[in-house]
Amino acid sequence: MVALLKVRTVNLAELSLALSPKAKVSSNYKRLQRFMRLHEIDFDSFGHFFSRLLPVSDGKWLLAMDRTNWKFGRVDINILMLGVAWNGVAFPLLWVFLPKRGNSNTAERIQLLNRLISTFGVDRIQSLTADREFVGQKWFNWLNGKNIPYVIRIRENFYVSSRKGNRVKVKELFKGLKNGESRIIQGKRRLCGVPLHLVGMKVKPKEYLILVTNKSPKVASEEYKQRWSIETLFGCLKIRGFNFEDTHITEPSRIMNLTALLAVTFTWCHLTGEWKATAEPIPLKKHGRRAISFFRYELDALREIFLSAEQMLKPKHPKVRKITELLTFRLQRTFAQIVT
């Protein structure tokens, strides 16, 4: 984790440069390879451990489901992830490697949610949010059968039943809206053969955001807004943080291990960033948003400490005591924050 913070990449060749200054770079590289190849994580136990780190560990979870994917050579890296939305970001809770390119199927989504239910119970779910990929009759029926509340976006060209029972494109129900206006359709309409509530908003002159839900439609829009938190997470794991796409690892179990490492390191940075901001607030821009995220706020601070310590912690250096005390204090506080 410390090496990852220093170099901000999951590339093993780069990590080996920062892993242990007392060992040869080649030895560090082999050590990392062995860890990824041989270390087996019990993901049920990991889920219990990781859930204790979450700021909403004792309450209900608003979940966001999505995929992140890229190619390394001819190999598709495709990860289906379930995150817990909180304060504008999602914490990665469970994930599965998809050995293919393209969308997930219903069986893969059910497998992921069954892992959540078997570990934490269905009562922990406040709502499941997802984008237009996550639709289908079998999927909706399974969610309804498990009493899982959900808010899912659908495509505009889906057909639904009208008030008179005719089949119409769903966007026809939201004609007449101005940009930014929304509408709740009274009663349930059949979509994919499943009766659901419909909520829609016109977001652009020719574009609508249309949601289906099996819970009160009045809260659907507000809950769906938090789906974007998982996109923020993916950005932090990739270009804005640890450059996940730099990995040359393609074997599924090793990708799973690497994702676990990223999950804990990301959570460490974000939670301690929130803690630090209570004493040293992040400046606000003119539009009222923070100039930098909690994650990046602490990522930069931890990198500065570890990189400075690397230079300062040398025999007979005049600042060695000061930097040692600073490093020890920060480590104690940050680890105490993430563990408690």
Protein backbone atom coordinates (compact mmCIF):
# COMPACT_ATOMS: atom_id res chain seq x y z
CA MET A 1 0.00 0.00 0.00
CA VAL A 2 2.80 2.43 0.82
CA ALA A 3 4.58 1.64 -2.44
CA LEU A 4 1.31 2.14 -4.29
CA LEU A 5 0.90 5.55 -2.69
CA LYS A 6 4.43 6.54 -3.66
CA VAL A 7 4.31 5.66 -7.35
CA ARG A 8 0.55 5.96 -8.04
CA THR A 9 0.45 3.00 -10.38
CA VAL A 10 -0.31 -0.71 -10.11
CA ASN A 11 2.40 -1.57 -12.63
CA LEU A 12 4.60 -4.12 -10.81
CA ALA A 13 7.81 -2.85 -12.40
CA GLU A 14 7.16 0.61 -10.96
CA LEU A 15 5.99 -0.72 -7.59
CA SER A 16 9.17 -2.79 -7.24
CA LEU A 17 11.21 0.45 -7.27
CA ALA A 18 9.41 1.71 -4.15
CA LEU A 19 8.66 -1.52 -2.29
CA SER A 20 11.82 -1.99 -0.21
CA PRO A 21 15.00 0.06 -0.60
CA LYS A 22 16.99 -2.63 1.22
CA ALA A 23 16.32 -5.25 -1.44
CA LYS A 24 17.24 -5.40 -5.10
CA VAL A 25 14.60 -4.15 -7.52
CA SER A 26 14.55 -7.57 -9.18
CA SER A 27 13.89 -9.21 -5.80
CA ASN A 28 11.04 -6.80 -5.11
CA TYR A 29 9.55 -7.55 -8.49
CA LYS A 30 9.61 -11.31 -7.88
CA ARG A 31 8.14 -10.78 -4.43
CA LEU A 32 5.22 -8.87 -5.93
CA GLN A 33 4.71 -11.55 -8.55
CA ARG A 34 4.62 -14.24 -5.88
CA PHE A 35 2.11 -12.27 -3.84
CA MET A 36 -0.25 -11.86 -6.80
CA ARG A 37 0.19 -15.46 -7.91
CA LEU A 38 0.14 -17.35 -4.61
CA HIS A 39 -1.76 -15.27 -2.06
CA GLU A 40 -5.40 -16.31 -1.77
CA ILE A 41 -7.89 -13.88 -0.26
CA ASP A 42 -11.00 -15.22 1.44
CA PHE A 43 -13.37 -12.66 -0.04
CA ASP A 44 -16.18 -13.49 2.40
CA SER A 45 -13.88 -12.62 5.30
CA PHE A 46 -12.54 -9.65 3.35
CA GLY A 47 -16.12 -8.40 2.87
CA HIS A 48 -16.75 -8.52 6.64
CA PHE A 49 -13.46 -6.73 7.33
CA PHE A 50 -13.99 -4.12 4.64
CA SER A 51 -17.58 -3.37 5.68
CA ARG A 52 -16.28 -2.32 9.11
CA LEU A 53 -14.25 0.42 7.45
CA LEU A 54 -17.28 2.02 5.84
CA PRO A 55 -18.74 5.19 7.37
CA VAL A 56 -22.22 3.64 7.01
CA SER A 57 -21.18 0.21 8.30
CA ASP A 58 -24.11 0.00 10.75
CA GLY A 59 -26.84 1.46 8.53
CA LYS A 60 -28.53 0.61 5.26
CA TRP A 61 -26.50 0.79 2.07
CA LEU A 62 -27.36 2.62 -1.12
CA LEU A 63 -25.63 0.42 -3.68
CA ALA A 64 -24.29 1.30 -7.11
CA MET A 65 -23.60 -1.45 -9.66
CA ASP A 66 -21.47 -0.91 -12.76
CA ARG A 67 -18.62 -2.30 -14.85
CA THR A 68 -15.19 -0.99 -15.65
CA ASN A 69 -13.31 -2.49 -18.59
CA TRP A 70 -10.27 -2.02 -20.80
CA LYS A 71 -7.95 -4.09 -22.98
CA PHE A 72 -4.38 -5.18 -22.42
CA GLY A 73 -3.14 -6.44 -25.74
CA ARG A 74 -5.80 -8.88 -26.89
CA VAL A 75 -7.10 -9.55 -23.39
CA ASP A 76 -10.24 -7.88 -22.07
CA ILE A 77 -10.14 -6.77 -18.44
CA ASN A 78 -13.79 -6.58 -17.42
CA ILE A 79 -14.83 -6.11 -13.77
CA LEU A 80 -18.40 -6.02 -12.47
CA MET A 81 -18.47 -4.12 -9.19
CA LEU A 82 -20.90 -3.34 -6.40
CA GLY A 83 -20.12 -0.23 -4.37
CA VAL A 84 -21.63 1.53 -1.35
CA ALA A 85 -22.42 5.17 -2.19
CA TRP A 86 -21.37 7.74 0.39
CA ASN A 87 -20.63 11.45 0.23
CA GLY A 88 -20.18 11.58 -3.54
CA VAL A 89 -18.11 8.43 -3.94
CA ALA A 90 -18.65 4.66 -3.82
CA PHE A 91 -16.59 2.28 -1.70
CA PRO A 92 -15.91 -0.98 -3.58
CA LEU A 93 -17.59 -3.74 -1.60
CA LEU A 94 -17.81 -6.77 -3.93
CA TRP A 95 -16.61 -7.44 -7.45
CA VAL A 96 -16.25 -10.23 -9.98
CA PHE A 97 -13.96 -10.63 -12.98
CA LEU A 98 -15.92 -11.25 -16.20
CA PRO A 99 -13.91 -13.48 -18.59
CA LYS A 100 -15.28 -11.77 -21.68
CA ARG A 101 -15.87 -8.38 -23.27
CA GLY A 102 -19.11 -6.41 -23.16
CA ASN A 103 -22.10 -6.32 -20.87
CA SER A 104 -22.75 -8.52 -17.87
CA ASN A 105 -25.61 -11.00 -18.00
CA THR A 106 -28.36 -11.66 -15.49
CA ALA A 107 -26.66 -14.74 -14.02
CA GLU A 108 -23.45 -12.76 -13.28
CA ARG A 109 -25.37 -9.95 -11.58
CA ILE A 110 -27.39 -12.44 -9.52
CA GLN A 111 -24.19 -14.21 -8.46
CA LEU A 112 -22.71 -10.92 -7.22
CA LEU A 113 -25.83 -9.89 -5.30
CA ASN A 114 -26.22 -13.37 -3.82
CA ARG A 115 -22.73 -12.98 -2.35
CA LEU A 116 -23.86 -9.73 -0.75
CA ILE A 117 -27.07 -11.26 0.60
CA SER A 118 -25.35 -14.37 2.01
CA THR A 119 -22.75 -12.22 3.79
CA PHE A 120 -24.80 -9.24 4.99
CA GLY A 121 -28.49 -10.01 4.39
CA VAL A 122 -31.00 -8.31 2.12
CA ASP A 123 -32.10 -5.94 4.91
CA ARG A 124 -28.84 -3.99 4.54
CA ILE A 125 -29.91 -2.77 1.10
CA GLN A 126 -31.60 0.64 1.03
CA SER A 127 -31.65 0.64 -2.77
CA LEU A 128 -29.73 -0.68 -5.77
CA THR A 129 -28.93 1.86 -8.48
CA ALA A 130 -27.68 0.96 -11.95
CA ASP A 131 -27.45 2.28 -15.49
CA ARG A 132 -29.07 1.20 -18.76
CA GLU A 133 -27.05 -2.01 -19.09
CA PHE A 134 -28.77 -3.61 -16.09
CA VAL A 135 -32.27 -4.35 -17.37
CA GLY A 136 -34.35 -7.35 -18.39
CA GLN A 137 -37.43 -9.32 -17.38
CA LYS A 138 -35.56 -12.09 -15.58
CA TRP A 139 -33.41 -9.53 -13.75
CA PHE A 140 -36.38 -7.40 -12.61
CA ASN A 141 -38.34 -10.47 -11.52
CA TRP A 142 -35.38 -11.80 -9.50
CA LEU A 143 -34.91 -8.44 -7.74
CA ASN A 144 -38.62 -8.26 -6.95
CA GLY A 145 -38.60 -11.85 -5.72
CA LYS A 146 -35.76 -11.06 -3.30
CA ASN A 147 -37.49 -7.84 -2.13
CA ILE A 148 -34.50 -5.76 -3.23
CA PRO A 149 -35.48 -2.10 -3.81
CA TYR A 150 -33.95 -0.66 -6.99
CA VAL A 151 -33.77 2.41 -9.21
CA ILE A 152 -32.48 1.67 -12.71
CA ARG A 153 -32.19 3.82 -15.80
CA ILE A 154 -33.65 2.48 -19.05
CA ARG A 155 -33.25 3.40 -22.71
CA GLU A 156 -35.70 5.82 -24.30
CA ASN A 157 -36.74 3.35 -27.01
CA PHE A 158 -38.08 0.72 -24.59
CA TYR A 159 -41.75 -0.12 -25.01
CA VAL A 160 -44.16 0.15 -22.09
CA SER A 161 -47.91 -0.11 -21.66
CA SER A 162 -49.87 3.12 -21.97
CA ARG A 163 -52.83 4.05 -19.78
CA LYS A 164 -55.10 2.42 -22.34
CA GLY A 165 -53.00 -0.73 -22.43
CA ASN A 166 -51.29 -0.05 -25.77
CA ARG A 167 -47.53 -0.46 -26.30
CA VAL A 168 -45.71 2.86 -26.74
CA LYS A 169 -42.10 3.99 -26.59
CA VAL A 170 -41.39 5.09 -23.05
CA LYS A 171 -40.18 8.54 -24.10
CA GLU A 172 -43.68 9.27 -25.43
CA LEU A 173 -44.89 9.41 -21.82
CA PHE A 174 -42.62 12.38 -21.13
CA LYS A 175 -43.38 14.58 -24.12
CA GLY A 176 -43.95 18.23 -23.34
CA LEU A 177 -41.30 18.44 -20.63
CA LYS A 178 -38.88 21.35 -20.73
CA ASN A 179 -35.17 20.91 -20.06
CA GLY A 180 -34.68 20.10 -16.39
CA GLU A 181 -38.35 19.25 -15.78
CA SER A 182 -39.36 15.83 -14.45
CA ARG A 183 -42.55 13.79 -14.33
CA ILE A 184 -43.77 10.83 -12.30
CA ILE A 185 -46.13 8.56 -14.21
CA GLN A 186 -49.18 7.69 -12.13
CA GLY A 187 -49.55 4.00 -11.38
CA LYS A 188 -47.36 1.17 -12.61
CA ARG A 189 -46.67 0.39 -16.27
CA ARG A 190 -45.48 -2.89 -17.72
CA LEU A 191 -41.90 -2.92 -18.95
CA CYS A 192 -40.41 -6.25 -20.06
CA GLY A 193 -43.64 -7.75 -18.74
CA VAL A 194 -42.98 -6.43 -15.21
CA PRO A 195 -45.18 -3.71 -13.58
CA LEU A 196 -42.93 -0.85 -12.47
CA HIS A 197 -43.08 2.82 -11.54
CA LEU A 198 -41.69 5.28 -14.10
CA VAL A 199 -39.93 8.60 -13.50
CA GLY A 200 -38.50 10.76 -16.28
CA MET A 201 -36.61 13.99 -16.80
CA LYS A 202 -35.66 15.90 -19.91
CA VAL A 203 -31.90 16.51 -19.67
CA LYS A 204 -31.20 17.80 -23.18
CA PRO A 205 -33.38 18.97 -26.10
CA LYS A 206 -33.59 15.41 -27.44
CA GLU A 207 -32.52 13.32 -24.46
CA TYR A 208 -34.44 11.95 -21.49
CA LEU A 209 -33.31 10.31 -18.26
CA ILE A 210 -35.94 7.66 -17.58
CA LEU A 211 -35.95 5.52 -14.44
CA VAL A 212 -37.86 2.42 -13.35
CA THR A 213 -38.31 1.48 -9.73
CA ASN A 214 -40.20 -0.96 -7.52
CA LYS A 215 -40.28 1.49 -4.61
CA SER A 216 -41.76 4.94 -4.11
CA PRO A 217 -41.10 6.95 -7.29
CA LYS A 218 -40.83 10.15 -5.25
CA VAL A 219 -37.33 9.21 -4.03
CA ALA A 220 -36.13 7.58 -7.26
CA SER A 221 -34.43 10.61 -8.80
CA GLU A 222 -32.54 11.55 -5.64
CA GLU A 223 -31.29 8.00 -5.14
CA TYR A 224 -30.29 7.58 -8.77
CA LYS A 225 -28.11 10.71 -8.55
CA GLN A 226 -25.83 8.75 -6.24
CA ARG A 227 -25.21 6.13 -8.93
CA TRP A 228 -22.56 8.48 -10.33
CA SER A 229 -20.51 7.80 -7.19
CA ILE A 230 -19.23 4.55 -8.70
CA GLU A 231 -17.99 6.45 -11.77
CA THR A 232 -16.06 8.69 -9.37
CA LEU A 233 -14.59 5.58 -7.75
CA PHE A 234 -13.45 4.19 -11.11
CA GLY A 235 -11.76 7.52 -11.85
CA CYS A 236 -9.88 7.32 -8.54
CA LEU A 237 -8.77 3.76 -9.21
CA LYS A 238 -7.65 4.75 -12.71
CA ILE A 239 -6.25 8.01 -14.06
CA ARG A 240 -7.00 10.26 -11.04
CA GLY A 241 -5.41 7.87 -8.59
CA PHE A 242 -3.72 4.52 -9.04
CA ASN A 243 -3.74 4.02 -12.82
CA PHE A 244 -5.40 0.60 -12.68
CA GLU A 245 -5.17 0.31 -16.47
CA ASP A 246 -1.35 0.20 -16.23
CA THR A 247 -1.45 -3.35 -14.92
CA HIS A 248 -0.07 -6.14 -17.10
CA ILE A 249 -1.91 -8.70 -14.98
CA THR A 250 -4.63 -10.59 -16.85
CA GLU A 251 -5.26 -13.74 -14.77
CA PRO A 252 -8.68 -13.38 -13.01
CA SER A 253 -7.62 -14.35 -9.47
CA ARG A 254 -4.71 -11.92 -9.57
CA ILE A 255 -6.97 -9.12 -10.81
CA MET A 256 -9.27 -9.89 -7.87
CA ASN A 257 -6.34 -9.63 -5.43
CA LEU A 258 -5.14 -6.39 -6.98
CA THR A 259 -8.64 -4.92 -6.74
CA ALA A 260 -8.72 -5.77 -3.03
CA LEU A 261 -5.44 -3.93 -2.52
CA LEU A 262 -6.82 -0.90 -4.35
CA ALA A 263 -10.07 -1.01 -2.37
CA VAL A 264 -8.30 -0.76 0.99
CA THR A 265 -5.80 1.87 -0.18
CA PHE A 266 -8.55 4.00 -1.71
CA THR A 267 -10.64 3.76 1.45
CA TRP A 268 -7.65 4.69 3.61
CA CYS A 269 -7.08 7.84 1.54
CA HIS A 270 -10.73 8.90 1.35
CA LEU A 271 -11.65 8.39 5.01
CA THR A 272 -8.52 10.06 6.35
CA GLY A 273 -9.09 12.85 3.81
CA GLU A 274 -12.53 13.42 5.33
CA TRP A 275 -11.00 13.36 8.83
CA LYS A 276 -8.24 15.79 7.86
CA ALA A 277 -10.72 18.20 6.23
CA THR A 278 -12.50 18.70 9.57
CA ALA A 279 -9.36 20.41 10.89
CA GLU A 280 -7.99 21.80 7.63
CA PRO A 281 -11.00 22.39 5.32
CA ILE A 282 -10.55 22.02 1.58
CA PRO A 283 -10.95 25.38 -0.23
CA LEU A 284 -14.17 25.86 -2.19
CA LYS A 285 -14.39 27.07 -5.77
CA LYS A 286 -16.78 29.78 -6.96
CA HIS A 287 -19.51 27.25 -7.74
CA GLY A 288 -19.37 26.02 -4.13
CA ARG A 289 -17.72 22.65 -4.75
CA ARG A 290 -14.50 21.50 -3.14
CA ALA A 291 -11.33 22.34 -5.08
CA ILE A 292 -10.12 18.78 -4.59
CA SER A 293 -11.73 15.50 -3.50
CA PHE A 294 -11.22 13.99 -0.05
CA PHE A 295 -9.42 11.11 -1.74
CA ARG A 296 -6.94 13.29 -3.63
CA TYR A 297 -6.50 15.59 -0.62
CA GLU A 298 -5.08 12.77 1.50
CA LEU A 299 -3.42 10.90 -1.37
CA ASP A 300 -1.20 13.92 -2.04
CA ALA A 301 -0.52 14.40 1.69
CA LEU A 302 0.46 10.76 2.27
CA ARG A 303 2.66 10.72 -0.83
CA GLU A 304 4.46 13.85 0.40
CA ILE A 305 5.09 12.23 3.80
CA PHE A 306 6.36 8.92 2.44
CA LEU A 307 8.50 10.47 -0.30
CA SER A 308 9.94 13.04 2.13
CA ALA A 309 10.67 10.32 4.67
CA GLU A 310 12.59 8.41 2.04
CA GLN A 311 14.95 11.36 1.68
CA MET A 312 15.02 12.44 5.31
CA LEU A 313 15.47 9.11 7.06
CA LYS A 314 19.19 8.86 6.56
CA PRO A 315 21.93 8.50 9.22
CA LYS A 316 23.03 11.77 10.80
CA HIS A 317 20.50 13.87 8.91
CA PRO A 318 19.59 16.92 11.09
CA LYS A 319 15.85 16.55 10.45
CA VAL A 320 15.63 12.81 11.01
CA ARG A 321 13.97 13.07 14.43
CA LYS A 322 11.38 15.59 13.28
CA ILE A 323 10.39 13.69 10.16
CA THR A 324 10.28 10.39 12.09
CA GLU A 325 7.92 11.89 14.66
CA LEU A 326 5.74 13.38 11.91
CA LEU A 327 5.61 10.13 9.98
CA THR A 328 4.84 8.07 13.09
CA PHE A 329 2.11 10.48 14.20
CA ARG A 330 0.43 10.53 10.79
CA LEU A 331 0.56 6.75 10.42
CA GLN A 332 -0.94 6.24 13.87
CA ARG A 333 -3.78 8.65 13.17
CA THR A 334 -4.55 7.39 9.69
CA PHE A 335 -4.53 3.71 10.61
CA ALA A 336 -6.55 4.43 13.76
CA GLN A 337 -9.11 6.28 11.62
CA ILE A 338 -9.52 3.49 9.06
CA VAL A 339 -9.64 0.67 11.63
CA THR A 340 -12.07 2.33 14.06
